[in-house]
Amino acid sequence: MAPTQTARDNHVSLEFSHVAHSYADVAALRDVSFTARRAQITCLLGSSGCGKSTLLNLAAGLLPLQQGSISIAGEEMARPGLNPPPEARPVGLVFQDGALFPHMTIARNIAFGVQGAGAALIDQWLERVRLAGLGDRYPHELSGGQQQRAALARAMAPEPQVLLMDEPFASVDIVLRRRLRRDCRMLLREAEATTVLVTHDPEEAIDIADQIAVMENGRIVQFGTPQDLHENPKAASVGAIFGGAQIVRAERDGDALVTAFGAWPLDCVAGSLPQCERLDLLIHAERLECLPDADGLTVRDVHPMGSANRVLLASQSGEEITAQTAAAIDASSGIRLVPQKGSVLAFACD
């Protein structure tokens, strides 16, 4: 199948079209479609079991495609009945543990898969991933971060059209992880590599991605740039991930939104209110006013944070919510919460 003119014009690198996958009777992916563009880093973000690793494994050829198609540069690479193995696909793979060959030196690991790779090319890659002079060492002689750098060099040395990365920084400590993300992003952008990276960490996705696909229950909930997801969430769960907000379930009753934490006025909602009775409300802790009320919520904890207090409150039914206030809090008294006007985003409840 020849690349389409649209693919050439839009520089399409990796496209998933109506992909679905099941393990026995359990649906892991449900009609997933999106495009990872050339020279960009696309993150698949979601909790365990949402389908992100399954999607990556389908692109890599580690799983047979059951439904839909996967194309590179507009050319169909996989469909039901067409499932070439990983070594026959123009993709590079980087896993959480690096998966370096333990019996090979770092130089030989990088050279693996590169036909006719000479010392000059290997030295160049060692330099690019900050491992200059370490080519004669074996994987067990390197730190975890160095092993991941070597794994990245090995995956990129054959110059694949697409690089697939599955939780590549999860096995290193947080400080090193930030440095690896920064260095990895710069290297990938310099190489103009098309990258799809799986992560469950929103901070990591924001830190490294050009575009993010937020996944839940085998579907993409929202796809866009980090700024899009932060400023214009299409679902309460997306706003909670990127905006640091809380989700509160509510039912509309006349001019009020009834929640487990009290009845809130309709004018607390920014923008239009969905025309349904059950809603998910997205609210930030610092946009909740705390008023003394003997019959109000129970104070579970008060955490001083410089000029403000972070207060954990509980309803009579045991549901919890966090507020942040500069006011002094009497932990022995009750609190009534009132959202600031226009501070809440409302979404139709699933």
C-alpha atoms as a PDB file:
ATOM      1  CA  MET A   1       0.000   0.000   0.000  1.00  0.00           C
ATOM      2  CA  ALA A   2       1.652   3.254  -1.108  1.00  0.00           C
ATOM      3  CA  PRO A   3       1.793   6.252   1.268  1.00  0.00           C
ATOM      4  CA  THR A   4      -1.165   8.556   0.797  1.00  0.00           C
ATOM      5  CA  GLN A   5      -0.713  12.190  -0.245  1.00  0.00           C
ATOM      6  CA  THR A   6      -2.246  13.229   3.094  1.00  0.00           C
ATOM      7  CA  ALA A   7       0.384  11.204   4.919  1.00  0.00           C
ATOM      8  CA  ARG A   8       3.163  12.859   2.938  1.00  0.00           C
ATOM      9  CA  ASP A   9       1.729  16.341   3.437  1.00  0.00           C
ATOM     10  CA  ASN A  10       1.149  15.907   7.174  1.00  0.00           C
ATOM     11  CA  HIS A  11       4.369  13.961   7.798  1.00  0.00           C
ATOM     12  CA  VAL A  12       2.412  11.141   9.407  1.00  0.00           C
ATOM     13  CA  SER A  13       4.805   8.702  11.040  1.00  0.00           C
ATOM     14  CA  LEU A  14       2.768   6.225  13.065  1.00  0.00           C
ATOM     15  CA  GLU A  15      -0.996   5.835  12.803  1.00  0.00           C
ATOM     16  CA  PHE A  16      -3.359   3.614  14.781  1.00  0.00           C
ATOM     17  CA  SER A  17      -6.749   3.175  13.118  1.00  0.00           C
ATOM     18  CA  HIS A  18      -9.700   1.591  14.955  1.00  0.00           C
ATOM     19  CA  VAL A  19      -7.448  -0.738  16.940  1.00  0.00           C
ATOM     20  CA  ALA A  20      -9.119  -3.156  19.361  1.00  0.00           C
ATOM     21  CA  HIS A  21      -7.674  -6.028  21.367  1.00  0.00           C
ATOM     22  CA  SER A  22      -8.967  -8.541  23.892  1.00  0.00           C
ATOM     23  CA  TYR A  23      -7.410 -11.065  26.236  1.00  0.00           C
ATOM     24  CA  ALA A  24      -9.944 -13.917  26.216  1.00  0.00           C
ATOM     25  CA  ASP A  25     -13.215 -12.156  27.161  1.00  0.00           C
ATOM     26  CA  VAL A  26     -11.533  -9.044  28.601  1.00  0.00           C
ATOM     27  CA  ALA A  27     -11.381  -6.028  26.281  1.00  0.00           C
ATOM     28  CA  ALA A  28      -8.007  -4.262  26.627  1.00  0.00           C
ATOM     29  CA  LEU A  29      -8.438  -1.775  23.762  1.00  0.00           C
ATOM     30  CA  ARG A  30     -11.670  -0.402  22.310  1.00  0.00           C
ATOM     31  CA  ASP A  31     -11.585   1.307  18.897  1.00  0.00           C
ATOM     32  CA  VAL A  32      -8.405   3.344  19.442  1.00  0.00           C
ATOM     33  CA  SER A  33      -7.354   5.786  16.706  1.00  0.00           C
ATOM     34  CA  PHE A  34      -4.634   8.443  16.831  1.00  0.00           C
ATOM     35  CA  THR A  35      -1.535   9.598  14.965  1.00  0.00           C
ATOM     36  CA  ALA A  36       1.970  10.060  16.365  1.00  0.00           C
ATOM     37  CA  ARG A  37       3.646  12.599  14.101  1.00  0.00           C
ATOM     38  CA  ARG A  38       7.191  12.586  12.834  1.00  0.00           C
ATOM     39  CA  ALA A  39       9.851  14.158  15.052  1.00  0.00           C
ATOM     40  CA  GLN A  40       7.487  14.389  18.018  1.00  0.00           C
ATOM     41  CA  ILE A  41       7.263  12.548  21.320  1.00  0.00           C
ATOM     42  CA  THR A  42       3.811  11.108  21.984  1.00  0.00           C
ATOM     43  CA  CYS A  43       3.024   9.787  25.464  1.00  0.00           C
ATOM     44  CA  LEU A  44       0.423   7.153  26.256  1.00  0.00           C
ATOM     45  CA  LEU A  45      -0.620   8.047  29.799  1.00  0.00           C
ATOM     46  CA  GLY A  46      -2.834   6.051  32.112  1.00  0.00           C
ATOM     47  CA  SER A  47      -3.058   3.771  35.110  1.00  0.00           C
ATOM     48  CA  SER A  48      -2.193   0.085  35.063  1.00  0.00           C
ATOM     49  CA  GLY A  49      -4.594  -1.932  32.940  1.00  0.00           C
ATOM     50  CA  CYS A  50      -5.783   0.986  30.760  1.00  0.00           C
ATOM     51  CA  GLY A  51      -4.337  -0.579  27.585  1.00  0.00           C
ATOM     52  CA  LYS A  52      -1.287   1.611  26.940  1.00  0.00           C
ATOM     53  CA  SER A  53       1.318  -1.188  27.009  1.00  0.00           C
ATOM     54  CA  THR A  54      -0.936  -3.405  24.891  1.00  0.00           C
ATOM     55  CA  LEU A  55      -1.050  -0.648  22.272  1.00  0.00           C
ATOM     56  CA  LEU A  56       2.746  -0.365  22.298  1.00  0.00           C
ATOM     57  CA  ASN A  57       3.183  -4.145  22.029  1.00  0.00           C
ATOM     58  CA  LEU A  58       0.855  -4.232  19.018  1.00  0.00           C
ATOM     59  CA  ALA A  59       2.952  -1.594  17.272  1.00  0.00           C
ATOM     60  CA  ALA A  60       6.142  -3.476  18.140  1.00  0.00           C
ATOM     61  CA  GLY A  61       4.831  -6.791  16.817  1.00  0.00           C
ATOM     62  CA  LEU A  62       4.935  -8.477  20.222  1.00  0.00           C
ATOM     63  CA  LEU A  63       1.185  -9.134  19.931  1.00  0.00           C
ATOM     64  CA  PRO A  64      -0.861  -9.994  16.820  1.00  0.00           C
ATOM     65  CA  LEU A  65      -3.291  -7.307  15.697  1.00  0.00           C
ATOM     66  CA  GLN A  66      -6.879  -8.513  16.111  1.00  0.00           C
ATOM     67  CA  GLN A  67      -8.765  -5.515  14.761  1.00  0.00           C
ATOM     68  CA  GLY A  68      -7.903  -2.276  12.953  1.00  0.00           C
ATOM     69  CA  SER A  69      -4.612  -1.331  11.334  1.00  0.00           C
ATOM     70  CA  ILE A  70      -1.242   0.242  12.137  1.00  0.00           C
ATOM     71  CA  SER A  71       0.603   2.271   9.507  1.00  0.00           C
ATOM     72  CA  ILE A  72       3.998   3.949   9.263  1.00  0.00           C
ATOM     73  CA  ALA A  73       4.401   6.902   6.877  1.00  0.00           C
ATOM     74  CA  GLY A  74       1.033   6.026   5.384  1.00  0.00           C
ATOM     75  CA  GLU A  75       2.048   2.453   4.566  1.00  0.00           C
ATOM     76  CA  GLU A  76       0.098  -0.301   6.296  1.00  0.00           C
ATOM     77  CA  MET A  77       2.417  -2.253   8.569  1.00  0.00           C
ATOM     78  CA  ALA A  78      -0.032  -4.482  10.453  1.00  0.00           C
ATOM     79  CA  ARG A  79      -3.632  -5.627  10.217  1.00  0.00           C
ATOM     80  CA  PRO A  80      -5.456  -8.861  11.070  1.00  0.00           C
ATOM     81  CA  GLY A  81      -3.616 -11.521   9.086  1.00  0.00           C
ATOM     82  CA  LEU A  82      -0.588  -9.260   8.511  1.00  0.00           C
ATOM     83  CA  ASN A  83       1.617  -9.270  11.606  1.00  0.00           C
ATOM     84  CA  PRO A  84       5.335  -9.126  10.792  1.00  0.00           C
ATOM     85  CA  PRO A  85       7.668  -9.901  13.747  1.00  0.00           C
ATOM     86  CA  PRO A  86       9.500  -7.109  15.616  1.00  0.00           C
ATOM     87  CA  GLU A  87      12.733  -7.596  13.661  1.00  0.00           C
ATOM     88  CA  ALA A  88      10.859  -7.047  10.394  1.00  0.00           C
ATOM     89  CA  ARG A  89       9.399  -3.700  11.515  1.00  0.00           C
ATOM     90  CA  PRO A  90      11.136  -0.302  11.259  1.00  0.00           C
ATOM     91  CA  VAL A  91      10.842   0.275  15.005  1.00  0.00           C
ATOM     92  CA  GLY A  92      13.240   0.455  17.934  1.00  0.00           C
ATOM     93  CA  LEU A  93      12.294  -0.760  21.421  1.00  0.00           C
ATOM     94  CA  VAL A  94      13.325   0.483  24.871  1.00  0.00           C
ATOM     95  CA  PHE A  95      11.914  -1.312  27.916  1.00  0.00           C
ATOM     96  CA  GLN A  96      11.772  -0.442  31.607  1.00  0.00           C
ATOM     97  CA  ASP A  97      14.801  -2.581  32.486  1.00  0.00           C
ATOM     98  CA  GLY A  98      16.777  -1.748  29.346  1.00  0.00           C
ATOM     99  CA  ALA A  99      16.985  -5.444  28.359  1.00  0.00           C
ATOM    100  CA  LEU A 100      20.656  -5.212  27.392  1.00  0.00           C
ATOM    101  CA  PHE A 101      22.449  -8.415  26.473  1.00  0.00           C
ATOM    102  CA  PRO A 102      24.400  -9.253  29.664  1.00  0.00           C
ATOM    103  CA  HIS A 103      27.132 -11.235  27.845  1.00  0.00           C
ATOM    104  CA  MET A 104      27.959  -8.337  25.497  1.00  0.00           C
ATOM    105  CA  THR A 105      29.904  -5.156  26.158  1.00  0.00           C
ATOM    106  CA  ILE A 106      28.067  -1.862  25.882  1.00  0.00           C
ATOM    107  CA  ALA A 107      29.745  -1.239  22.533  1.00  0.00           C
ATOM    108  CA  ARG A 108      28.601  -4.604  21.189  1.00  0.00           C
ATOM    109  CA  ASN A 109      25.085  -3.987  22.544  1.00  0.00           C
ATOM    110  CA  ILE A 110      24.910  -0.708  20.612  1.00  0.00           C
ATOM    111  CA  ALA A 111      26.332  -2.327  17.482  1.00  0.00           C
ATOM    112  CA  PHE A 112      23.744  -5.113  17.609  1.00  0.00           C
ATOM    113  CA  GLY A 113      21.334  -4.682  14.702  1.00  0.00           C
ATOM    114  CA  VAL A 114      23.513  -2.145  12.863  1.00  0.00           C
ATOM    115  CA  GLN A 115      24.986  -3.807   9.817  1.00  0.00           C
ATOM    116  CA  GLY A 116      28.672  -2.956   9.383  1.00  0.00           C
ATOM    117  CA  ALA A 117      28.781  -0.715  12.468  1.00  0.00           C
ATOM    118  CA  GLY A 118      32.348   0.542  12.908  1.00  0.00           C
ATOM    119  CA  ALA A 119      34.135   1.842  15.972  1.00  0.00           C
ATOM    120  CA  ALA A 120      33.600   5.452  14.903  1.00  0.00           C
ATOM    121  CA  LEU A 121      29.806   5.048  14.825  1.00  0.00           C
ATOM    122  CA  ILE A 122      29.743   3.300  18.203  1.00  0.00           C
ATOM    123  CA  ASP A 123      31.955   5.977  19.746  1.00  0.00           C
ATOM    124  CA  GLN A 124      29.613   8.606  18.342  1.00  0.00           C
ATOM    125  CA  TRP A 125      26.605   7.008  20.024  1.00  0.00           C
ATOM    126  CA  LEU A 126      28.500   6.557  23.303  1.00  0.00           C
ATOM    127  CA  GLU A 127      29.277  10.256  23.199  1.00  0.00           C
ATOM    128  CA  ARG A 128      25.688  11.222  22.406  1.00  0.00           C
ATOM    129  CA  VAL A 129      24.300   9.325  25.414  1.00  0.00           C
ATOM    130  CA  ARG A 130      27.109  10.458  27.755  1.00  0.00           C
ATOM    131  CA  LEU A 131      28.813   7.063  27.991  1.00  0.00           C
ATOM    132  CA  ALA A 132      32.074   8.002  26.285  1.00  0.00           C
ATOM    133  CA  GLY A 133      34.888   5.672  27.371  1.00  0.00           C
ATOM    134  CA  LEU A 134      32.518   3.030  28.767  1.00  0.00           C
ATOM    135  CA  GLY A 135      32.063   0.931  25.654  1.00  0.00           C
ATOM    136  CA  ASP A 136      34.217  -1.948  26.955  1.00  0.00           C
ATOM    137  CA  ARG A 137      32.161  -2.372  30.106  1.00  0.00           C
ATOM    138  CA  TYR A 138      29.377  -4.919  30.575  1.00  0.00           C
ATOM    139  CA  PRO A 139      25.834  -3.969  31.607  1.00  0.00           C
ATOM    140  CA  HIS A 140      26.271  -5.122  35.230  1.00  0.00           C
ATOM    141  CA  GLU A 141      29.204  -2.716  35.558  1.00  0.00           C
ATOM    142  CA  LEU A 142      26.995   0.310  34.857  1.00  0.00           C
ATOM    143  CA  SER A 143      24.471   2.133  37.031  1.00  0.00           C
ATOM    144  CA  GLY A 144      20.769   1.869  36.290  1.00  0.00           C
ATOM    145  CA  GLY A 145      20.745   5.250  34.589  1.00  0.00           C
ATOM    146  CA  GLN A 146      23.768   4.374  32.459  1.00  0.00           C
ATOM    147  CA  GLN A 147      22.117   1.117  31.412  1.00  0.00           C
ATOM    148  CA  GLN A 148      19.057   3.034  30.227  1.00  0.00           C
ATOM    149  CA  ARG A 149      21.269   5.396  28.223  1.00  0.00           C
ATOM    150  CA  ALA A 150      22.945   2.390  26.610  1.00  0.00           C
ATOM    151  CA  ALA A 151      19.542   0.839  25.837  1.00  0.00           C
ATOM    152  CA  LEU A 152      18.443   4.102  24.196  1.00  0.00           C
ATOM    153  CA  ALA A 153      21.599   4.191  22.065  1.00  0.00           C
ATOM    154  CA  ARG A 154      21.112   0.569  21.024  1.00  0.00           C
ATOM    155  CA  ALA A 155      17.519   1.249  19.973  1.00  0.00           C
ATOM    156  CA  MET A 156      18.381   4.428  18.044  1.00  0.00           C
ATOM    157  CA  ALA A 157      21.614   3.337  16.373  1.00  0.00           C
ATOM    158  CA  PRO A 158      19.831   1.458  13.530  1.00  0.00           C
ATOM    159  CA  GLU A 159      17.893   4.706  12.866  1.00  0.00           C
ATOM    160  CA  PRO A 160      14.381   3.204  13.112  1.00  0.00           C
ATOM    161  CA  GLN A 161      11.459   5.183  11.741  1.00  0.00           C
ATOM    162  CA  VAL A 162       9.700   4.886  15.104  1.00  0.00           C
ATOM    163  CA  LEU A 163      11.013   4.469  18.641  1.00  0.00           C
ATOM    164  CA  LEU A 164       8.753   2.698  21.165  1.00  0.00           C
ATOM    165  CA  MET A 165       9.515   3.165  24.876  1.00  0.00           C
ATOM    166  CA  ASP A 166       7.737   1.345  27.723  1.00  0.00           C
ATOM    167  CA  GLU A 167       8.204   3.049  31.137  1.00  0.00           C
ATOM    168  CA  PRO A 168      11.894   3.650  30.291  1.00  0.00           C
ATOM    169  CA  PHE A 169      12.718   5.676  33.406  1.00  0.00           C
ATOM    170  CA  ALA A 170      10.688   3.842  36.043  1.00  0.00           C
ATOM    171  CA  SER A 171      13.601   1.812  37.435  1.00  0.00           C
ATOM    172  CA  VAL A 172      15.796   4.781  38.427  1.00  0.00           C
ATOM    173  CA  ASP A 173      15.503   7.237  41.319  1.00  0.00           C
ATOM    174  CA  ILE A 174      13.540  10.469  40.957  1.00  0.00           C
ATOM    175  CA  VAL A 175      16.511  12.857  40.654  1.00  0.00           C
ATOM    176  CA  LEU A 176      18.203  10.747  37.980  1.00  0.00           C
ATOM    177  CA  ARG A 177      14.853  10.220  36.291  1.00  0.00           C
ATOM    178  CA  ARG A 178      14.433  13.964  35.718  1.00  0.00           C
ATOM    179  CA  ARG A 179      17.908  14.245  34.194  1.00  0.00           C
ATOM    180  CA  LEU A 180      17.324  11.212  31.978  1.00  0.00           C
ATOM    181  CA  ARG A 181      14.036  12.657  30.744  1.00  0.00           C
ATOM    182  CA  ARG A 182      15.675  15.957  29.879  1.00  0.00           C
ATOM    183  CA  ASP A 183      18.614  14.331  28.089  1.00  0.00           C
ATOM    184  CA  CYS A 184      16.358  11.838  26.321  1.00  0.00           C
ATOM    185  CA  ARG A 185      14.021  14.561  25.027  1.00  0.00           C
ATOM    186  CA  MET A 186      16.924  16.601  23.670  1.00  0.00           C
ATOM    187  CA  LEU A 187      18.458  13.548  21.984  1.00  0.00           C
ATOM    188  CA  LEU A 188      15.164  12.479  20.413  1.00  0.00           C
ATOM    189  CA  ARG A 189      14.422  15.986  19.159  1.00  0.00           C
ATOM    190  CA  GLU A 190      17.930  16.294  17.725  1.00  0.00           C
ATOM    191  CA  ALA A 191      17.497  12.992  15.882  1.00  0.00           C
ATOM    192  CA  GLU A 192      13.971  14.019  14.748  1.00  0.00           C
ATOM    193  CA  ALA A 193      12.813  10.619  15.948  1.00  0.00           C
ATOM    194  CA  THR A 194       9.130   9.746  16.096  1.00  0.00           C
ATOM    195  CA  THR A 195       8.637   8.384  19.599  1.00  0.00           C
ATOM    196  CA  VAL A 196       5.764   6.739  21.442  1.00  0.00           C
ATOM    197  CA  LEU A 197       6.395   6.494  25.173  1.00  0.00           C
ATOM    198  CA  VAL A 198       4.244   4.671  27.735  1.00  0.00           C
ATOM    199  CA  THR A 199       4.033   6.086  31.253  1.00  0.00           C
ATOM    200  CA  HIS A 200       1.699   6.189  34.252  1.00  0.00           C
ATOM    201  CA  ASP A 201       3.356   9.374  35.576  1.00  0.00           C
ATOM    202  CA  PRO A 202       1.651  12.676  34.597  1.00  0.00           C
ATOM    203  CA  GLU A 203       4.754  14.665  35.549  1.00  0.00           C
ATOM    204  CA  GLU A 204       6.833  12.555  33.190  1.00  0.00           C
ATOM    205  CA  ALA A 205       4.339  12.995  30.378  1.00  0.00           C
ATOM    206  CA  ILE A 206       4.290  16.781  30.808  1.00  0.00           C
ATOM    207  CA  ASP A 207       8.078  16.877  31.101  1.00  0.00           C
ATOM    208  CA  ILE A 208       8.889  15.004  27.905  1.00  0.00           C
ATOM    209  CA  ALA A 209       5.874  14.870  25.571  1.00  0.00           C
ATOM    210  CA  ASP A 210       4.832  17.014  22.627  1.00  0.00           C
ATOM    211  CA  GLN A 211       1.418  15.353  22.683  1.00  0.00           C
ATOM    212  CA  ILE A 212      -0.318  13.095  25.186  1.00  0.00           C
ATOM    213  CA  ALA A 213      -3.012  10.444  24.801  1.00  0.00           C
ATOM    214  CA  VAL A 214      -4.804   9.988  28.124  1.00  0.00           C
ATOM    215  CA  MET A 215      -6.173   6.445  28.301  1.00  0.00           C
ATOM    216  CA  GLU A 216      -8.877   4.919  30.484  1.00  0.00           C
ATOM    217  CA  ASN A 217     -10.458   1.480  30.181  1.00  0.00           C
ATOM    218  CA  GLY A 218      -9.009   0.795  26.746  1.00  0.00           C
ATOM    219  CA  ARG A 219     -10.016   4.131  25.211  1.00  0.00           C
ATOM    220  CA  ILE A 220      -8.393   7.497  24.610  1.00  0.00           C
ATOM    221  CA  VAL A 221     -10.219  10.037  26.765  1.00  0.00           C
ATOM    222  CA  GLN A 222      -8.350  13.050  25.370  1.00  0.00           C
ATOM    223  CA  PHE A 223      -5.481  13.607  22.960  1.00  0.00           C
ATOM    224  CA  GLY A 224      -3.551  16.871  22.766  1.00  0.00           C
ATOM    225  CA  THR A 225      -0.594  18.934  23.882  1.00  0.00           C
ATOM    226  CA  PRO A 226       0.229  19.233  27.596  1.00  0.00           C
ATOM    227  CA  GLN A 227      -1.112  22.797  27.492  1.00  0.00           C
ATOM    228  CA  ASP A 228      -4.392  21.649  25.892  1.00  0.00           C
ATOM    229  CA  LEU A 229      -4.933  19.002  28.540  1.00  0.00           C
ATOM    230  CA  HIS A 230      -4.137  21.409  31.363  1.00  0.00           C
ATOM    231  CA  GLU A 231      -6.251  24.327  30.142  1.00  0.00           C
ATOM    232  CA  ASN A 232      -9.130  22.548  28.368  1.00  0.00           C
ATOM    233  CA  PRO A 233      -9.805  19.139  29.929  1.00  0.00           C
ATOM    234  CA  LYS A 234     -12.568  17.225  28.166  1.00  0.00           C
ATOM    235  CA  ALA A 235     -13.273  15.002  31.164  1.00  0.00           C
ATOM    236  CA  ALA A 236     -13.080  15.439  34.916  1.00  0.00           C
ATOM    237  CA  SER A 237     -10.426  12.734  35.161  1.00  0.00           C
ATOM    238  CA  VAL A 238      -8.149  14.640  32.759  1.00  0.00           C
ATOM    239  CA  GLY A 239      -8.503  17.823  34.783  1.00  0.00           C
ATOM    240  CA  ALA A 240      -7.699  15.929  37.959  1.00  0.00           C
ATOM    241  CA  ILE A 241      -4.530  14.504  36.400  1.00  0.00           C
ATOM    242  CA  PHE A 242      -3.132  17.717  34.933  1.00  0.00           C
ATOM    243  CA  GLY A 243      -4.671  20.465  37.004  1.00  0.00           C
ATOM    244  CA  GLY A 244      -4.239  18.956  40.456  1.00  0.00           C
ATOM    245  CA  ALA A 245      -7.974  19.276  41.021  1.00  0.00           C
ATOM    246  CA  GLN A 246     -10.411  17.026  42.894  1.00  0.00           C
ATOM    247  CA  ILE A 247     -13.477  15.303  41.500  1.00  0.00           C
ATOM    248  CA  VAL A 248     -16.716  15.696  43.439  1.00  0.00           C
ATOM    249  CA  ARG A 249     -19.897  13.869  42.441  1.00  0.00           C
ATOM    250  CA  ALA A 250     -23.009  16.072  42.453  1.00  0.00           C
ATOM    251  CA  GLU A 251     -26.717  15.991  41.647  1.00  0.00           C
ATOM    252  CA  ARG A 252     -28.593  19.054  40.446  1.00  0.00           C
ATOM    253  CA  ASP A 253     -31.528  20.062  42.617  1.00  0.00           C
ATOM    254  CA  GLY A 254     -33.141  23.299  41.422  1.00  0.00           C
ATOM    255  CA  ASP A 255     -30.598  26.108  41.910  1.00  0.00           C
ATOM    256  CA  ALA A 256     -28.158  23.974  43.868  1.00  0.00           C
ATOM    257  CA  LEU A 257     -25.592  21.239  43.288  1.00  0.00           C
ATOM    258  CA  VAL A 258     -25.974  18.690  46.067  1.00  0.00           C
ATOM    259  CA  THR A 259     -22.701  17.014  47.043  1.00  0.00           C
ATOM    260  CA  ALA A 260     -21.510  14.916  49.973  1.00  0.00           C
ATOM    261  CA  PHE A 261     -19.890  18.140  51.256  1.00  0.00           C
ATOM    262  CA  GLY A 262     -22.969  20.321  51.141  1.00  0.00           C
ATOM    263  CA  ALA A 263     -25.202  22.109  48.649  1.00  0.00           C
ATOM    264  CA  TRP A 264     -23.242  24.434  46.366  1.00  0.00           C
ATOM    265  CA  PRO A 265     -24.748  27.312  44.338  1.00  0.00           C
ATOM    266  CA  LEU A 266     -24.924  26.975  40.554  1.00  0.00           C
ATOM    267  CA  ASP A 267     -22.845  30.127  40.061  1.00  0.00           C
ATOM    268  CA  CYS A 268     -19.782  28.269  41.330  1.00  0.00           C
ATOM    269  CA  VAL A 269     -19.624  26.610  37.890  1.00  0.00           C
ATOM    270  CA  ALA A 270     -17.526  28.240  35.166  1.00  0.00           C
ATOM    271  CA  GLY A 271     -19.053  28.192  31.700  1.00  0.00           C
ATOM    272  CA  SER A 272     -22.137  26.251  30.720  1.00  0.00           C
ATOM    273  CA  LEU A 273     -23.669  23.594  32.921  1.00  0.00           C
ATOM    274  CA  PRO A 274     -24.300  20.188  31.293  1.00  0.00           C
ATOM    275  CA  GLN A 275     -28.007  19.479  30.958  1.00  0.00           C
ATOM    276  CA  CYS A 276     -28.128  16.396  33.147  1.00  0.00           C
ATOM    277  CA  GLU A 277     -28.905  15.637  36.765  1.00  0.00           C
ATOM    278  CA  ARG A 278     -25.696  13.809  37.761  1.00  0.00           C
ATOM    279  CA  LEU A 279     -22.410  15.666  37.374  1.00  0.00           C
ATOM    280  CA  ASP A 280     -18.705  15.362  38.095  1.00  0.00           C
ATOM    281  CA  LEU A 281     -17.336  18.620  39.494  1.00  0.00           C
ATOM    282  CA  LEU A 282     -13.685  19.582  39.220  1.00  0.00           C
ATOM    283  CA  ILE A 283     -12.506  21.847  42.035  1.00  0.00           C
ATOM    284  CA  HIS A 284      -9.111  23.075  43.246  1.00  0.00           C
ATOM    285  CA  ALA A 285      -8.337  23.025  46.965  1.00  0.00           C
ATOM    286  CA  GLU A 286      -7.393  26.722  47.020  1.00  0.00           C
ATOM    287  CA  ARG A 287     -10.744  27.713  45.471  1.00  0.00           C
ATOM    288  CA  LEU A 288     -12.751  26.388  48.433  1.00  0.00           C
ATOM    289  CA  GLU A 289     -13.609  28.826  51.217  1.00  0.00           C
ATOM    290  CA  CYS A 290     -13.621  27.359  54.727  1.00  0.00           C
ATOM    291  CA  LEU A 291     -16.311  28.799  57.022  1.00  0.00           C
ATOM    292  CA  PRO A 292     -16.809  27.787  60.684  1.00  0.00           C
ATOM    293  CA  ASP A 293     -19.948  25.686  61.113  1.00  0.00           C
ATOM    294  CA  ALA A 294     -20.642  23.444  64.093  1.00  0.00           C
ATOM    295  CA  ASP A 295     -22.776  21.193  61.897  1.00  0.00           C
ATOM    296  CA  GLY A 296     -20.275  21.162  59.045  1.00  0.00           C
ATOM    297  CA  LEU A 297     -17.575  18.767  57.881  1.00  0.00           C
ATOM    298  CA  THR A 298     -15.202  17.079  60.291  1.00  0.00           C
ATOM    299  CA  VAL A 299     -11.574  18.229  60.273  1.00  0.00           C
ATOM    300  CA  ARG A 300      -9.369  15.168  59.852  1.00  0.00           C
ATOM    301  CA  ASP A 301      -6.009  16.900  59.469  1.00  0.00           C
ATOM    302  CA  VAL A 302      -4.458  20.358  59.246  1.00  0.00           C
ATOM    303  CA  HIS A 303      -1.140  20.577  57.404  1.00  0.00           C
ATOM    304  CA  PRO A 304       0.599  23.990  57.652  1.00  0.00           C
ATOM    305  CA  MET A 305       2.239  24.925  54.340  1.00  0.00           C
ATOM    306  CA  GLY A 306       3.914  28.287  54.849  1.00  0.00           C
ATOM    307  CA  SER A 307       1.292  31.005  54.422  1.00  0.00           C
ATOM    308  CA  ALA A 308      -1.584  28.531  54.015  1.00  0.00           C
ATOM    309  CA  ASN A 309      -3.070  25.474  55.684  1.00  0.00           C
ATOM    310  CA  ARG A 310      -3.979  22.345  53.766  1.00  0.00           C
ATOM    311  CA  VAL A 311      -7.062  20.895  55.442  1.00  0.00           C
ATOM    312  CA  LEU A 312      -8.425  17.386  55.049  1.00  0.00           C
ATOM    313  CA  LEU A 313     -12.187  17.289  55.672  1.00  0.00           C
ATOM    314  CA  ALA A 314     -14.660  14.408  55.871  1.00  0.00           C
ATOM    315  CA  SER A 315     -18.403  14.207  55.396  1.00  0.00           C
ATOM    316  CA  GLN A 316     -20.748  12.243  57.643  1.00  0.00           C
ATOM    317  CA  SER A 317     -20.625   9.386  55.146  1.00  0.00           C
ATOM    318  CA  GLY A 318     -16.814   9.308  55.310  1.00  0.00           C
ATOM    319  CA  GLU A 319     -16.014  10.914  51.945  1.00  0.00           C
ATOM    320  CA  GLU A 320     -12.980  13.188  52.022  1.00  0.00           C
ATOM    321  CA  ILE A 321     -12.011  16.460  50.357  1.00  0.00           C
ATOM    322  CA  THR A 322      -9.032  18.799  50.685  1.00  0.00           C
ATOM    323  CA  ALA A 323      -9.186  22.580  51.008  1.00  0.00           C
ATOM    324  CA  GLN A 324      -6.390  25.139  51.219  1.00  0.00           C
ATOM    325  CA  THR A 325      -6.864  28.341  53.173  1.00  0.00           C
ATOM    326  CA  ALA A 326      -4.905  31.142  54.783  1.00  0.00           C
ATOM    327  CA  ALA A 327      -7.450  31.258  57.627  1.00  0.00           C
ATOM    328  CA  ALA A 328      -6.741  29.712  61.018  1.00  0.00           C
ATOM    329  CA  ILE A 329      -8.470  26.356  61.424  1.00  0.00           C
ATOM    330  CA  ASP A 330      -9.946  25.049  64.665  1.00  0.00           C
ATOM    331  CA  ALA A 331      -9.589  21.273  64.310  1.00  0.00           C
ATOM    332  CA  SER A 332     -12.184  20.713  67.057  1.00  0.00           C
ATOM    333  CA  SER A 333     -14.891  22.631  65.169  1.00  0.00           C
ATOM    334  CA  GLY A 334     -16.786  21.885  61.981  1.00  0.00           C
ATOM    335  CA  ILE A 335     -16.201  23.506  58.595  1.00  0.00           C
ATOM    336  CA  ARG A 336     -18.610  24.472  55.827  1.00  0.00           C
ATOM    337  CA  LEU A 337     -17.140  24.589  52.319  1.00  0.00           C
ATOM    338  CA  VAL A 338     -18.245  27.150  49.732  1.00  0.00           C
ATOM    339  CA  PRO A 339     -16.609  27.119  46.268  1.00  0.00           C
ATOM    340  CA  GLN A 340     -15.637  30.504  44.878  1.00  0.00           C
ATOM    341  CA  LYS A 341     -17.824  31.854  42.096  1.00  0.00           C
ATOM    342  CA  GLY A 342     -16.848  30.454  38.691  1.00  0.00           C
ATOM    343  CA  SER A 343     -14.220  28.145  40.200  1.00  0.00           C
ATOM    344  CA  VAL A 344     -15.719  24.770  39.291  1.00  0.00           C
ATOM    345  CA  LEU A 345     -15.741  22.878  36.000  1.00  0.00           C
ATOM    346  CA  ALA A 346     -18.743  20.588  35.518  1.00  0.00           C
ATOM    347  CA  PHE A 347     -18.883  17.450  33.378  1.00  0.00           C
ATOM    348  CA  ALA A 348     -21.691  15.036  32.633  1.00  0.00           C
ATOM    349  CA  CYS A 349     -21.329  11.974  34.813  1.00  0.00           C
ATOM    350  CA  ASP A 350     -20.752   8.677  32.997  1.00  0.00           C
END
